[in-house]
């Protein structure tokens, strides 16, 4: 059994929003980091920013799709990999309803391809980027890890399928060790203002859209539904600062010390915020009014998703430390310093 924490980590989707912040966290804590990304929803410009923020270089970065097994195999052959953090995936609820097969192909197919490469090269430790969306319309709030999965859209189903594949893989590969981290809604940005959320094309998530409206790149925000059974009728989510999320990934790596099997933990604050409450908080942060229009509900959405994060606190001593005010201020700082995103 392996008894030491991993030192060289492969980060799939490492130039994305959460992936880039995680790379900084790992570099700052002495890990060597290898990035794999096909830049379908990001840009390689981010890699330079990661190194600038961390003050250390990445070990290597590769432009490839995880489903390209030959190319992925060459990454593992180039240098010993101790563990993998797997972010690479499509992640928009609304888009997944429109193009479900692409979500299954990318998210599930990419995960199985990665598992094959890991198995072939005897890499036994994995942290998987999962999602609170697998809980769907949960019967009880806040939502604990034992809640029955009820995914309501292809994105959520793809994440749930990946978890089932990983759980089964640990049974057939008895040395495989997996943490599946189910995040609720990561927002915010790095305090330096150098890293943040910059989706390609029209944002599918509320915070980057808010940011672009505030900076003048878009006219107004669409609020999807005002007739949910919530205090103000808009959907309620558990927003969590991205830097709190990435600290949990580093802790997960430290806990991958040779205990086979798969474990699941929620990452959230335990506090629900409605869309209208988020708009008001962001208006306070940026000092500007955010025009919005209420439109119909988005297919696949649910009324409330709020975490019970007690297990992570109990098992790891981890808990979210940053407030909604921090999230909004950090997001606005990034947008203000990068009005046209990374390429502006």
Foldseek 3Di string as FASTA:
>chain_A
DFFAFWAEEEEEVLQAALNLLLLLVNLLVRHAYEYEYQQPWGDPLSQVLSCVSNVHHHPYYYNDALLPLVVVLVVCVVDPHQEYEYDDADAFQLVCQVPVVVRLCRLVSSLVSVVVSCVVSVHAYYEYEAALQQQPQFPDPPDFPPTDGDHFGSNSVSRVVSVVVQQVVCVVVVFHEYEYEHEWAEFFFDQVLSGHHDTPDQDRDDLVNQLLCLLPNDVAAEQAFQCAPDPRSGAKTFYAYSNLVSVVVVLSSRVSRGRTGYDYAYAGQQDIDGPVRLQVLLCVQSVDHGHYDYDHHRRRDHRYHGHDRVVCCVPPVGHGDDDSNNRSNRNNSNCVVVVPPSVD
